[in-house]
């Protein structure tokens, strides 16, 4: 996150975000149809952190995401660092993206789960846009973590995970989870958030079983090769041990994916954008999928520092996957 005084202000005030939307900020459901998903037999998804604090270029960055969604027939978009409030000049940046998609002739449902902030001033959220009807959503609070220090005081920020249950004509329901785990927190705090996240998924899947793949995506702030200030591979492994597979790593040599923090490659999701120039190269944005599922295609997008054909839209690259449905 940039412009840390925003978050410091909120932390000092001790404000915890609410899970609902401010009035008229676009959380309602519109009747959408994704009949073509059953015909083609796969679901196209993107996860991208929007970089809430970069307000001046937000409109053009959302335009680029909307163009990508239109060109690739995106069915589901997972967003982190969605912003709303007078300090960022919009009621809901996910609602803004929904409008740009509508201008291109695409109707998407929108659900937003705000994590932290002061309504009307500044709020930061996770959100999901879906061409398929969102049947309902569930949000789970994750344990607060100390992500900032101000005048010797640890400032704890709340996080969440949001499940959206999508209704796919002829194929039934599919559960998609979107999250943004803590950054610059301790190993214990990251582990606590991940434990609550995985428990929530397990309990939800027990209560709402379905035959389609279970999809978990977002900004995990976990890099398999980072060891300072603590080793993060164990947290990645704990996700895999619950039965998830790393969708992007499917068909690739895992140990070669963004394995050098000093040299960004096409697999990294941080340190590969002009909005993040100079940062260490890391792979921290993922899609994890539980079987049955076959990954038809996957790529890192919006990584303009390593791919001249891409455009940068955030301090993160996005991850695109195409998942076959049974």
C-alpha atoms as a PDB file:
ATOM      1  CA  UNK A   1       0.000   0.000   0.000  1.00  0.00           C
ATOM      2  CA  UNK A   2       1.097   3.525  -0.724  1.00  0.00           C
ATOM      3  CA  UNK A   3       0.153   6.772   1.088  1.00  0.00           C
ATOM      4  CA  UNK A   4       0.409   5.082   4.446  1.00  0.00           C
ATOM      5  CA  UNK A   5      -0.955   8.081   6.277  1.00  0.00           C
ATOM      6  CA  UNK A   6      -4.387   7.016   5.075  1.00  0.00           C
ATOM      7  CA  UNK A   7      -4.129   3.720   6.863  1.00  0.00           C
ATOM      8  CA  UNK A   8      -2.335   5.202   9.847  1.00  0.00           C
ATOM      9  CA  UNK A   9      -5.199   7.631  10.331  1.00  0.00           C
ATOM     10  CA  UNK A  10      -7.700   4.788  10.245  1.00  0.00           C
ATOM     11  CA  UNK A  11      -5.612   2.643  12.555  1.00  0.00           C
ATOM     12  CA  UNK A  12      -5.292   5.421  15.134  1.00  0.00           C
ATOM     13  CA  UNK A  13      -9.027   5.890  15.063  1.00  0.00           C
ATOM     14  CA  UNK A  14      -9.356   2.166  15.756  1.00  0.00           C
ATOM     15  CA  UNK A  15     -11.963   1.702  13.094  1.00  0.00           C
ATOM     16  CA  UNK A  16     -12.848  -1.789  11.909  1.00  0.00           C
ATOM     17  CA  UNK A  17     -14.426  -2.054   8.479  1.00  0.00           C
ATOM     18  CA  UNK A  18     -17.944  -3.226   7.941  1.00  0.00           C
ATOM     19  CA  UNK A  19     -18.798  -6.135   5.675  1.00  0.00           C
ATOM     20  CA  UNK A  20     -21.601  -4.353   3.897  1.00  0.00           C
ATOM     21  CA  UNK A  21     -21.569  -1.532   1.388  1.00  0.00           C
ATOM     22  CA  UNK A  22     -22.209   2.134   1.934  1.00  0.00           C
ATOM     23  CA  UNK A  23     -25.570   3.232   0.513  1.00  0.00           C
ATOM     24  CA  UNK A  24     -25.800   3.277  -3.287  1.00  0.00           C
ATOM     25  CA  UNK A  25     -22.308   1.818  -3.740  1.00  0.00           C
ATOM     26  CA  UNK A  26     -23.212  -1.034  -6.006  1.00  0.00           C
ATOM     27  CA  UNK A  27     -23.593  -4.151  -3.885  1.00  0.00           C
ATOM     28  CA  UNK A  28     -26.909  -5.221  -5.356  1.00  0.00           C
ATOM     29  CA  UNK A  29     -27.427  -8.139  -7.677  1.00  0.00           C
ATOM     30  CA  UNK A  30     -28.453  -7.739 -11.287  1.00  0.00           C
ATOM     31  CA  UNK A  31     -29.751 -10.603 -13.397  1.00  0.00           C
ATOM     32  CA  UNK A  32     -26.843 -11.844 -15.463  1.00  0.00           C
ATOM     33  CA  UNK A  33     -26.449 -14.812 -17.762  1.00  0.00           C
ATOM     34  CA  UNK A  34     -23.338 -16.780 -18.641  1.00  0.00           C
ATOM     35  CA  UNK A  35     -24.924 -19.497 -20.766  1.00  0.00           C
ATOM     36  CA  UNK A  36     -21.796 -19.629 -22.930  1.00  0.00           C
ATOM     37  CA  UNK A  37     -19.776 -21.027 -20.017  1.00  0.00           C
ATOM     38  CA  UNK A  38     -21.567 -24.365 -20.259  1.00  0.00           C
ATOM     39  CA  UNK A  39     -21.199 -24.354 -24.043  1.00  0.00           C
ATOM     40  CA  UNK A  40     -17.423 -23.838 -23.920  1.00  0.00           C
ATOM     41  CA  UNK A  41     -16.949 -25.875 -20.755  1.00  0.00           C
ATOM     42  CA  UNK A  42     -14.549 -23.608 -18.895  1.00  0.00           C
ATOM     43  CA  UNK A  43     -14.467 -20.564 -16.632  1.00  0.00           C
ATOM     44  CA  UNK A  44     -12.110 -17.613 -17.197  1.00  0.00           C
ATOM     45  CA  UNK A  45     -10.912 -15.758 -14.091  1.00  0.00           C
ATOM     46  CA  UNK A  46      -8.624 -12.858 -13.202  1.00  0.00           C
ATOM     47  CA  UNK A  47      -7.298 -11.709  -9.834  1.00  0.00           C
ATOM     48  CA  UNK A  48      -5.789  -8.225  -9.494  1.00  0.00           C
ATOM     49  CA  UNK A  49      -4.904  -5.897  -6.619  1.00  0.00           C
ATOM     50  CA  UNK A  50      -6.132  -2.428  -7.677  1.00  0.00           C
ATOM     51  CA  UNK A  51      -3.663  -0.297  -5.632  1.00  0.00           C
ATOM     52  CA  UNK A  52      -6.251   1.839  -3.828  1.00  0.00           C
ATOM     53  CA  UNK A  53      -3.976   4.835  -3.223  1.00  0.00           C
ATOM     54  CA  UNK A  54      -3.138   5.563  -6.878  1.00  0.00           C
ATOM     55  CA  UNK A  55      -6.142   7.795  -7.533  1.00  0.00           C
ATOM     56  CA  UNK A  56      -4.991  10.033 -10.383  1.00  0.00           C
ATOM     57  CA  UNK A  57      -4.530   7.184 -12.869  1.00  0.00           C
ATOM     58  CA  UNK A  58      -7.338   4.982 -11.566  1.00  0.00           C
ATOM     59  CA  UNK A  59      -9.755   5.692 -14.415  1.00  0.00           C
ATOM     60  CA  UNK A  60      -7.278   4.762 -17.151  1.00  0.00           C
ATOM     61  CA  UNK A  61      -6.175   1.690 -15.198  1.00  0.00           C
ATOM     62  CA  UNK A  62      -9.773   0.500 -14.877  1.00  0.00           C
ATOM     63  CA  UNK A  63     -10.247   1.108 -18.599  1.00  0.00           C
ATOM     64  CA  UNK A  64      -7.317  -1.217 -19.295  1.00  0.00           C
ATOM     65  CA  UNK A  65      -8.765  -3.923 -17.057  1.00  0.00           C
ATOM     66  CA  UNK A  66     -12.158  -3.576 -18.740  1.00  0.00           C
ATOM     67  CA  UNK A  67     -10.513  -3.885 -22.164  1.00  0.00           C
ATOM     68  CA  UNK A  68      -8.730  -7.051 -21.041  1.00  0.00           C
ATOM     69  CA  UNK A  69     -11.963  -8.493 -19.640  1.00  0.00           C
ATOM     70  CA  UNK A  70     -13.751  -7.822 -22.914  1.00  0.00           C
ATOM     71  CA  UNK A  71     -10.960  -9.231 -25.077  1.00  0.00           C
ATOM     72  CA  UNK A  72     -10.534 -12.445 -23.060  1.00  0.00           C
ATOM     73  CA  UNK A  73     -14.207 -13.158 -22.224  1.00  0.00           C
ATOM     74  CA  UNK A  74     -13.553 -12.916 -18.491  1.00  0.00           C
ATOM     75  CA  UNK A  75     -16.269 -14.549 -16.424  1.00  0.00           C
ATOM     76  CA  UNK A  76     -15.052 -13.694 -12.913  1.00  0.00           C
ATOM     77  CA  UNK A  77     -12.806 -10.883 -11.636  1.00  0.00           C
ATOM     78  CA  UNK A  78     -11.382 -10.975  -8.110  1.00  0.00           C
ATOM     79  CA  UNK A  79     -10.355  -7.541  -6.855  1.00  0.00           C
ATOM     80  CA  UNK A  80      -8.313  -6.487  -3.838  1.00  0.00           C
ATOM     81  CA  UNK A  81      -7.762  -2.927  -2.566  1.00  0.00           C
ATOM     82  CA  UNK A  82     -11.070  -1.702  -3.922  1.00  0.00           C
ATOM     83  CA  UNK A  83     -11.518   1.819  -2.563  1.00  0.00           C
ATOM     84  CA  UNK A  84     -14.365   4.159  -1.724  1.00  0.00           C
ATOM     85  CA  UNK A  85     -14.734   7.549  -0.049  1.00  0.00           C
ATOM     86  CA  UNK A  86     -14.022  11.228  -0.567  1.00  0.00           C
ATOM     87  CA  UNK A  87     -10.283  10.774  -0.053  1.00  0.00           C
ATOM     88  CA  UNK A  88     -10.102   8.572  -3.151  1.00  0.00           C
ATOM     89  CA  UNK A  89     -12.779  10.342  -5.186  1.00  0.00           C
ATOM     90  CA  UNK A  90     -15.203   7.467  -5.719  1.00  0.00           C
ATOM     91  CA  UNK A  91     -17.949   5.622  -3.873  1.00  0.00           C
ATOM     92  CA  UNK A  92     -16.593   2.237  -4.955  1.00  0.00           C
ATOM     93  CA  UNK A  93     -13.847   1.592  -7.536  1.00  0.00           C
ATOM     94  CA  UNK A  94     -15.272  -1.886  -8.235  1.00  0.00           C
ATOM     95  CA  UNK A  95     -18.570  -0.197  -9.116  1.00  0.00           C
ATOM     96  CA  UNK A  96     -16.612   2.062 -11.481  1.00  0.00           C
ATOM     97  CA  UNK A  97     -15.132  -1.005 -13.184  1.00  0.00           C
ATOM     98  CA  UNK A  98     -18.589  -2.577 -13.399  1.00  0.00           C
ATOM     99  CA  UNK A  99     -19.779   0.540 -15.242  1.00  0.00           C
ATOM    100  CA  UNK A 100     -16.897   0.382 -17.718  1.00  0.00           C
ATOM    101  CA  UNK A 101     -17.691  -3.255 -18.408  1.00  0.00           C
ATOM    102  CA  UNK A 102     -21.333  -2.337 -18.968  1.00  0.00           C
ATOM    103  CA  UNK A 103     -20.250   0.333 -21.475  1.00  0.00           C
ATOM    104  CA  UNK A 104     -18.584  -2.481 -23.418  1.00  0.00           C
ATOM    105  CA  UNK A 105     -21.807  -4.490 -23.445  1.00  0.00           C
ATOM    106  CA  UNK A 106     -20.981  -6.846 -20.555  1.00  0.00           C
ATOM    107  CA  UNK A 107     -23.225  -7.273 -17.508  1.00  0.00           C
ATOM    108  CA  UNK A 108     -21.470  -8.325 -14.292  1.00  0.00           C
ATOM    109  CA  UNK A 109     -22.843  -8.924 -10.819  1.00  0.00           C
ATOM    110  CA  UNK A 110     -20.894  -7.162  -8.089  1.00  0.00           C
ATOM    111  CA  UNK A 111     -20.368  -8.024  -4.442  1.00  0.00           C
ATOM    112  CA  UNK A 112     -18.046  -6.079  -2.161  1.00  0.00           C
ATOM    113  CA  UNK A 113     -16.721  -6.847   1.319  1.00  0.00           C
ATOM    114  CA  UNK A 114     -15.125  -3.829   2.968  1.00  0.00           C
ATOM    115  CA  UNK A 115     -12.244  -4.592   5.314  1.00  0.00           C
ATOM    116  CA  UNK A 116     -11.276  -1.342   6.986  1.00  0.00           C
ATOM    117  CA  UNK A 117     -11.975   2.373   6.986  1.00  0.00           C
ATOM    118  CA  UNK A 118     -14.347   5.160   7.825  1.00  0.00           C
ATOM    119  CA  UNK A 119     -17.537   5.157   5.717  1.00  0.00           C
ATOM    120  CA  UNK A 120     -17.697   8.199   3.484  1.00  0.00           C
ATOM    121  CA  UNK A 121     -14.040   9.129   4.071  1.00  0.00           C
ATOM    122  CA  UNK A 122     -12.022   6.084   2.983  1.00  0.00           C
ATOM    123  CA  UNK A 123     -12.757   2.363   2.906  1.00  0.00           C
ATOM    124  CA  UNK A 124     -10.748  -0.488   1.400  1.00  0.00           C
ATOM    125  CA  UNK A 125     -12.336  -3.733   0.287  1.00  0.00           C
ATOM    126  CA  UNK A 126     -12.244  -7.000  -1.601  1.00  0.00           C
ATOM    127  CA  UNK A 127     -14.784  -7.430  -4.400  1.00  0.00           C
ATOM    128  CA  UNK A 128     -15.940  -9.937  -7.007  1.00  0.00           C
ATOM    129  CA  UNK A 129     -17.416  -9.159 -10.410  1.00  0.00           C
ATOM    130  CA  UNK A 130     -19.115 -12.064 -12.153  1.00  0.00           C
ATOM    131  CA  UNK A 131     -20.903 -12.566 -15.472  1.00  0.00           C
ATOM    132  CA  UNK A 132     -22.649 -15.495 -13.810  1.00  0.00           C
ATOM    133  CA  UNK A 133     -25.362 -14.691 -11.299  1.00  0.00           C
ATOM    134  CA  UNK A 134     -24.078 -14.447  -7.733  1.00  0.00           C
ATOM    135  CA  UNK A 135     -26.497 -16.543  -5.703  1.00  0.00           C
ATOM    136  CA  UNK A 136     -25.190 -15.208  -2.381  1.00  0.00           C
ATOM    137  CA  UNK A 137     -22.003 -14.183  -0.590  1.00  0.00           C
ATOM    138  CA  UNK A 138     -20.476 -14.928   2.795  1.00  0.00           C
ATOM    139  CA  UNK A 139     -17.736 -12.900   4.469  1.00  0.00           C
ATOM    140  CA  UNK A 140     -15.410 -14.063   7.247  1.00  0.00           C
ATOM    141  CA  UNK A 141     -13.302 -11.688   9.310  1.00  0.00           C
ATOM    142  CA  UNK A 142      -9.654 -12.696   9.617  1.00  0.00           C
ATOM    143  CA  UNK A 143      -7.612 -11.944  12.752  1.00  0.00           C
ATOM    144  CA  UNK A 144      -6.199  -8.423  12.840  1.00  0.00           C
ATOM    145  CA  UNK A 145      -2.485  -8.134  12.180  1.00  0.00           C
ATOM    146  CA  UNK A 146       0.135  -5.501  12.988  1.00  0.00           C
ATOM    147  CA  UNK A 147       1.045  -4.195   9.558  1.00  0.00           C
ATOM    148  CA  UNK A 148       2.224  -0.691  10.491  1.00  0.00           C
ATOM    149  CA  UNK A 149       4.068   1.056  13.291  1.00  0.00           C
ATOM    150  CA  UNK A 150       3.320   4.646  14.306  1.00  0.00           C
ATOM    151  CA  UNK A 151       5.204   6.408  17.110  1.00  0.00           C
ATOM    152  CA  UNK A 152       6.098   3.093  18.674  1.00  0.00           C
ATOM    153  CA  UNK A 153       2.576   1.680  18.451  1.00  0.00           C
ATOM    154  CA  UNK A 154       1.637  -1.341  16.378  1.00  0.00           C
ATOM    155  CA  UNK A 155      -1.348  -0.621  14.180  1.00  0.00           C
ATOM    156  CA  UNK A 156      -3.502  -3.678  13.582  1.00  0.00           C
ATOM    157  CA  UNK A 157      -5.553  -3.823  10.393  1.00  0.00           C
ATOM    158  CA  UNK A 158      -8.531  -6.106   9.739  1.00  0.00           C
ATOM    159  CA  UNK A 159      -8.720  -8.403   6.720  1.00  0.00           C
ATOM    160  CA  UNK A 160     -11.388 -10.744   5.352  1.00  0.00           C
ATOM    161  CA  UNK A 161     -12.191 -13.528   2.935  1.00  0.00           C
ATOM    162  CA  UNK A 162     -15.347 -13.413   0.815  1.00  0.00           C
ATOM    163  CA  UNK A 163     -17.079 -16.423  -0.696  1.00  0.00           C
ATOM    164  CA  UNK A 164     -19.373 -15.851  -3.669  1.00  0.00           C
ATOM    165  CA  UNK A 165     -21.560 -18.730  -4.812  1.00  0.00           C
ATOM    166  CA  UNK A 166     -21.994 -18.466  -8.569  1.00  0.00           C
ATOM    167  CA  UNK A 167     -24.889 -19.964 -10.477  1.00  0.00           C
ATOM    168  CA  UNK A 168     -23.769 -21.398 -13.816  1.00  0.00           C
ATOM    169  CA  UNK A 169     -26.569 -22.458 -16.164  1.00  0.00           C
ATOM    170  CA  UNK A 170     -26.614 -26.251 -16.766  1.00  0.00           C
ATOM    171  CA  UNK A 171     -23.566 -26.758 -14.531  1.00  0.00           C
ATOM    172  CA  UNK A 172     -24.910 -25.768 -11.124  1.00  0.00           C
ATOM    173  CA  UNK A 173     -23.096 -23.770  -8.466  1.00  0.00           C
ATOM    174  CA  UNK A 174     -19.436 -22.978  -7.964  1.00  0.00           C
ATOM    175  CA  UNK A 175     -17.879 -21.404  -4.882  1.00  0.00           C
ATOM    176  CA  UNK A 176     -15.204 -18.748  -5.412  1.00  0.00           C
ATOM    177  CA  UNK A 177     -13.190 -17.303  -2.515  1.00  0.00           C
ATOM    178  CA  UNK A 178     -11.360 -13.965  -2.664  1.00  0.00           C
ATOM    179  CA  UNK A 179      -8.917 -12.727  -0.020  1.00  0.00           C
ATOM    180  CA  UNK A 180      -6.071 -10.334   0.753  1.00  0.00           C
ATOM    181  CA  UNK A 181      -3.766 -11.488   3.552  1.00  0.00           C
ATOM    182  CA  UNK A 182      -1.619  -9.234   5.711  1.00  0.00           C
ATOM    183  CA  UNK A 183       1.594  -7.601   4.523  1.00  0.00           C
ATOM    184  CA  UNK A 184       4.576  -6.794   6.768  1.00  0.00           C
ATOM    185  CA  UNK A 185       3.002  -8.773   9.592  1.00  0.00           C
ATOM    186  CA  UNK A 186       4.600 -11.448  11.758  1.00  0.00           C
ATOM    187  CA  UNK A 187       4.729 -15.138  10.905  1.00  0.00           C
ATOM    188  CA  UNK A 188       2.291 -15.890  13.716  1.00  0.00           C
ATOM    189  CA  UNK A 189      -0.180 -13.281  12.453  1.00  0.00           C
ATOM    190  CA  UNK A 190       0.012 -14.501   8.856  1.00  0.00           C
ATOM    191  CA  UNK A 191      -0.395 -18.076  10.055  1.00  0.00           C
ATOM    192  CA  UNK A 192      -3.423 -17.138  12.159  1.00  0.00           C
ATOM    193  CA  UNK A 193      -5.126 -15.439   9.211  1.00  0.00           C
ATOM    194  CA  UNK A 194      -4.417 -18.390   6.952  1.00  0.00           C
ATOM    195  CA  UNK A 195      -5.740 -20.878   9.505  1.00  0.00           C
ATOM    196  CA  UNK A 196      -9.031 -18.988   9.848  1.00  0.00           C
ATOM    197  CA  UNK A 197      -9.261 -18.705   6.056  1.00  0.00           C
ATOM    198  CA  UNK A 198      -8.748 -22.425   5.428  1.00  0.00           C
ATOM    199  CA  UNK A 199     -11.117 -23.400   8.254  1.00  0.00           C
ATOM    200  CA  UNK A 200     -13.788 -21.093   6.824  1.00  0.00           C
ATOM    201  CA  UNK A 201     -13.432 -22.718   3.397  1.00  0.00           C
ATOM    202  CA  UNK A 202     -13.618 -26.213   4.853  1.00  0.00           C
ATOM    203  CA  UNK A 203     -16.723 -25.422   6.916  1.00  0.00           C
ATOM    204  CA  UNK A 204     -18.427 -23.599   4.048  1.00  0.00           C
ATOM    205  CA  UNK A 205     -17.801 -26.441   1.617  1.00  0.00           C
ATOM    206  CA  UNK A 206     -19.246 -28.878   4.143  1.00  0.00           C
ATOM    207  CA  UNK A 207     -22.395 -26.778   4.455  1.00  0.00           C
ATOM    208  CA  UNK A 208     -22.717 -25.934   0.760  1.00  0.00           C
ATOM    209  CA  UNK A 209     -21.308 -28.915  -1.140  1.00  0.00           C
ATOM    210  CA  UNK A 210     -21.153 -28.883  -4.925  1.00  0.00           C
ATOM    211  CA  UNK A 211     -19.483 -30.892  -7.678  1.00  0.00           C
ATOM    212  CA  UNK A 212     -17.630 -28.064  -9.412  1.00  0.00           C
ATOM    213  CA  UNK A 213     -14.067 -27.014  -8.518  1.00  0.00           C
ATOM    214  CA  UNK A 214     -13.503 -24.870  -5.432  1.00  0.00           C
ATOM    215  CA  UNK A 215     -11.552 -21.739  -6.378  1.00  0.00           C
ATOM    216  CA  UNK A 216      -9.487 -19.588  -4.011  1.00  0.00           C
ATOM    217  CA  UNK A 217      -7.721 -16.494  -5.326  1.00  0.00           C
ATOM    218  CA  UNK A 218      -6.290 -13.148  -4.335  1.00  0.00           C
ATOM    219  CA  UNK A 219      -3.246 -11.388  -2.915  1.00  0.00           C
ATOM    220  CA  UNK A 220      -1.722 -13.751  -0.340  1.00  0.00           C
ATOM    221  CA  UNK A 221       1.505 -11.856   0.389  1.00  0.00           C
ATOM    222  CA  UNK A 222       3.203 -15.272   0.416  1.00  0.00           C
ATOM    223  CA  UNK A 223       6.301 -15.930  -1.681  1.00  0.00           C
ATOM    224  CA  UNK A 224       7.781 -19.426  -1.680  1.00  0.00           C
ATOM    225  CA  UNK A 225      11.351 -18.140  -1.900  1.00  0.00           C
ATOM    226  CA  UNK A 226      11.226 -15.312   0.645  1.00  0.00           C
ATOM    227  CA  UNK A 227      12.983 -16.104   3.929  1.00  0.00           C
ATOM    228  CA  UNK A 228      13.440 -12.637   5.451  1.00  0.00           C
ATOM    229  CA  UNK A 229      12.128 -11.819   8.025  1.00  0.00           C
ATOM    230  CA  UNK A 230      10.702 -15.375   8.072  1.00  0.00           C
ATOM    231  CA  UNK A 231      10.306 -18.314   5.739  1.00  0.00           C
ATOM    232  CA  UNK A 232       7.019 -18.070   3.832  1.00  0.00           C
ATOM    233  CA  UNK A 233       7.111 -21.396   1.982  1.00  0.00           C
ATOM    234  CA  UNK A 234       5.471 -23.166   4.925  1.00  0.00           C
ATOM    235  CA  UNK A 235       2.345 -21.039   4.482  1.00  0.00           C
ATOM    236  CA  UNK A 236       2.154 -21.834   0.773  1.00  0.00           C
ATOM    237  CA  UNK A 237       2.578 -25.511   1.630  1.00  0.00           C
ATOM    238  CA  UNK A 238      -0.210 -25.359   4.215  1.00  0.00           C
ATOM    239  CA  UNK A 239      -2.630 -24.316   1.450  1.00  0.00           C
ATOM    240  CA  UNK A 240      -1.477 -27.148  -0.810  1.00  0.00           C
ATOM    241  CA  UNK A 241      -1.779 -29.656   2.034  1.00  0.00           C
ATOM    242  CA  UNK A 242      -5.528 -28.988   2.262  1.00  0.00           C
ATOM    243  CA  UNK A 243      -6.013 -30.341  -1.277  1.00  0.00           C
ATOM    244  CA  UNK A 244      -5.599 -27.161  -3.323  1.00  0.00           C
ATOM    245  CA  UNK A 245      -3.341 -27.007  -6.371  1.00  0.00           C
ATOM    246  CA  UNK A 246      -1.517 -23.892  -7.577  1.00  0.00           C
ATOM    247  CA  UNK A 247      -3.307 -23.217 -10.868  1.00  0.00           C
ATOM    248  CA  UNK A 248      -0.549 -21.112 -12.419  1.00  0.00           C
ATOM    249  CA  UNK A 249       2.140 -23.648 -11.483  1.00  0.00           C
ATOM    250  CA  UNK A 250       0.250 -26.431 -13.258  1.00  0.00           C
ATOM    251  CA  UNK A 251       2.446 -27.710 -16.095  1.00  0.00           C
ATOM    252  CA  UNK A 252       5.382 -25.529 -14.992  1.00  0.00           C
ATOM    253  CA  UNK A 253       8.460 -26.248 -12.901  1.00  0.00           C
ATOM    254  CA  UNK A 254       7.485 -24.818  -9.516  1.00  0.00           C
ATOM    255  CA  UNK A 255      11.052 -24.200  -8.361  1.00  0.00           C
ATOM    256  CA  UNK A 256      11.707 -21.933 -11.362  1.00  0.00           C
ATOM    257  CA  UNK A 257       8.744 -19.595 -10.912  1.00  0.00           C
ATOM    258  CA  UNK A 258      10.060 -16.154  -9.911  1.00  0.00           C
ATOM    259  CA  UNK A 259      12.975 -17.728  -8.050  1.00  0.00           C
ATOM    260  CA  UNK A 260      15.311 -14.691  -8.096  1.00  0.00           C
ATOM    261  CA  UNK A 261      14.211 -11.590  -6.192  1.00  0.00           C
ATOM    262  CA  UNK A 262      16.757  -9.493  -8.074  1.00  0.00           C
ATOM    263  CA  UNK A 263      15.620 -10.472 -11.558  1.00  0.00           C
ATOM    264  CA  UNK A 264      11.927 -10.219 -12.397  1.00  0.00           C
ATOM    265  CA  UNK A 265      10.591 -12.742 -14.874  1.00  0.00           C
ATOM    266  CA  UNK A 266       7.260 -13.518 -16.535  1.00  0.00           C
ATOM    267  CA  UNK A 267       6.117 -15.521 -13.508  1.00  0.00           C
ATOM    268  CA  UNK A 268       6.427 -12.746 -10.893  1.00  0.00           C
ATOM    269  CA  UNK A 269       3.448 -10.662  -9.794  1.00  0.00           C
ATOM    270  CA  UNK A 270       5.322  -7.950  -7.860  1.00  0.00           C
ATOM    271  CA  UNK A 271       8.270  -5.932  -9.132  1.00  0.00           C
ATOM    272  CA  UNK A 272       7.039  -6.269 -12.711  1.00  0.00           C
ATOM    273  CA  UNK A 273       4.959  -3.108 -13.163  1.00  0.00           C
ATOM    274  CA  UNK A 274       5.931   0.506 -13.765  1.00  0.00           C
ATOM    275  CA  UNK A 275       3.844   1.356 -10.687  1.00  0.00           C
ATOM    276  CA  UNK A 276       6.107  -0.933  -8.656  1.00  0.00           C
ATOM    277  CA  UNK A 277       9.479  -0.335 -10.318  1.00  0.00           C
ATOM    278  CA  UNK A 278      12.415  -1.194  -8.087  1.00  0.00           C
ATOM    279  CA  UNK A 279      10.580  -3.548  -5.726  1.00  0.00           C
ATOM    280  CA  UNK A 280      11.889  -7.071  -5.184  1.00  0.00           C
ATOM    281  CA  UNK A 281      10.512  -9.580  -7.650  1.00  0.00           C
ATOM    282  CA  UNK A 282       8.021 -11.907  -5.955  1.00  0.00           C
ATOM    283  CA  UNK A 283       5.083 -14.180  -6.775  1.00  0.00           C
ATOM    284  CA  UNK A 284       2.394 -13.474  -4.188  1.00  0.00           C
ATOM    285  CA  UNK A 285      -0.863 -13.439  -6.187  1.00  0.00           C
ATOM    286  CA  UNK A 286      -2.473 -16.811  -6.850  1.00  0.00           C
ATOM    287  CA  UNK A 287      -5.369 -18.964  -7.879  1.00  0.00           C
ATOM    288  CA  UNK A 288      -5.659 -22.222  -5.945  1.00  0.00           C
ATOM    289  CA  UNK A 289      -8.100 -24.848  -7.178  1.00  0.00           C
ATOM    290  CA  UNK A 290      -9.448 -28.015  -5.597  1.00  0.00           C
ATOM    291  CA  UNK A 291     -10.154 -30.935  -7.865  1.00  0.00           C
ATOM    292  CA  UNK A 292     -11.913 -31.927  -9.985  1.00  0.00           C
ATOM    293  CA  UNK A 293     -10.371 -29.342 -12.295  1.00  0.00           C
ATOM    294  CA  UNK A 294      -8.071 -29.096 -15.292  1.00  0.00           C
ATOM    295  CA  UNK A 295      -6.204 -25.861 -15.951  1.00  0.00           C
ATOM    296  CA  UNK A 296      -6.527 -25.073 -19.638  1.00  0.00           C
ATOM    297  CA  UNK A 297      -4.545 -21.836 -19.636  1.00  0.00           C
ATOM    298  CA  UNK A 298      -2.794 -19.511 -17.199  1.00  0.00           C
ATOM    299  CA  UNK A 299      -0.699 -16.369 -17.488  1.00  0.00           C
ATOM    300  CA  UNK A 300       0.575 -13.355 -15.583  1.00  0.00           C
ATOM    301  CA  UNK A 301      -0.830 -10.153 -17.082  1.00  0.00           C
ATOM    302  CA  UNK A 302      -0.365  -6.386 -16.614  1.00  0.00           C
ATOM    303  CA  UNK A 303       3.389  -6.983 -16.088  1.00  0.00           C
ATOM    304  CA  UNK A 304       4.687  -4.271 -18.402  1.00  0.00           C
ATOM    305  CA  UNK A 305       8.262  -4.255 -17.049  1.00  0.00           C
ATOM    306  CA  UNK A 306       8.860  -7.772 -18.384  1.00  0.00           C
ATOM    307  CA  UNK A 307       6.372  -7.842 -21.271  1.00  0.00           C
ATOM    308  CA  UNK A 308       6.230  -4.845 -23.598  1.00  0.00           C
ATOM    309  CA  UNK A 309       2.871  -6.012 -24.920  1.00  0.00           C
ATOM    310  CA  UNK A 310       1.279  -5.526 -21.497  1.00  0.00           C
ATOM    311  CA  UNK A 311       0.132  -2.371 -19.696  1.00  0.00           C
ATOM    312  CA  UNK A 312       0.672  -1.767 -15.991  1.00  0.00           C
ATOM    313  CA  UNK A 313      -2.511  -1.204 -13.970  1.00  0.00           C
ATOM    314  CA  UNK A 314      -1.256  -1.585 -10.387  1.00  0.00           C
ATOM    315  CA  UNK A 315       1.795  -2.284  -8.253  1.00  0.00           C
ATOM    316  CA  UNK A 316       0.792  -5.929  -8.762  1.00  0.00           C
ATOM    317  CA  UNK A 317       0.446  -7.911 -11.942  1.00  0.00           C
ATOM    318  CA  UNK A 318      -2.728  -9.918 -12.428  1.00  0.00           C
ATOM    319  CA  UNK A 319      -3.103 -13.683 -12.723  1.00  0.00           C
ATOM    320  CA  UNK A 320      -5.398 -15.103 -15.411  1.00  0.00           C
ATOM    321  CA  UNK A 321      -6.581 -18.714 -15.434  1.00  0.00           C
ATOM    322  CA  UNK A 322      -8.994 -20.747 -17.528  1.00  0.00           C
ATOM    323  CA  UNK A 323     -10.426 -23.700 -15.591  1.00  0.00           C
ATOM    324  CA  UNK A 324     -12.270 -26.609 -17.175  1.00  0.00           C
ATOM    325  CA  UNK A 325     -15.608 -27.460 -15.574  1.00  0.00           C
ATOM    326  CA  UNK A 326     -16.950 -31.025 -15.306  1.00  0.00           C
END
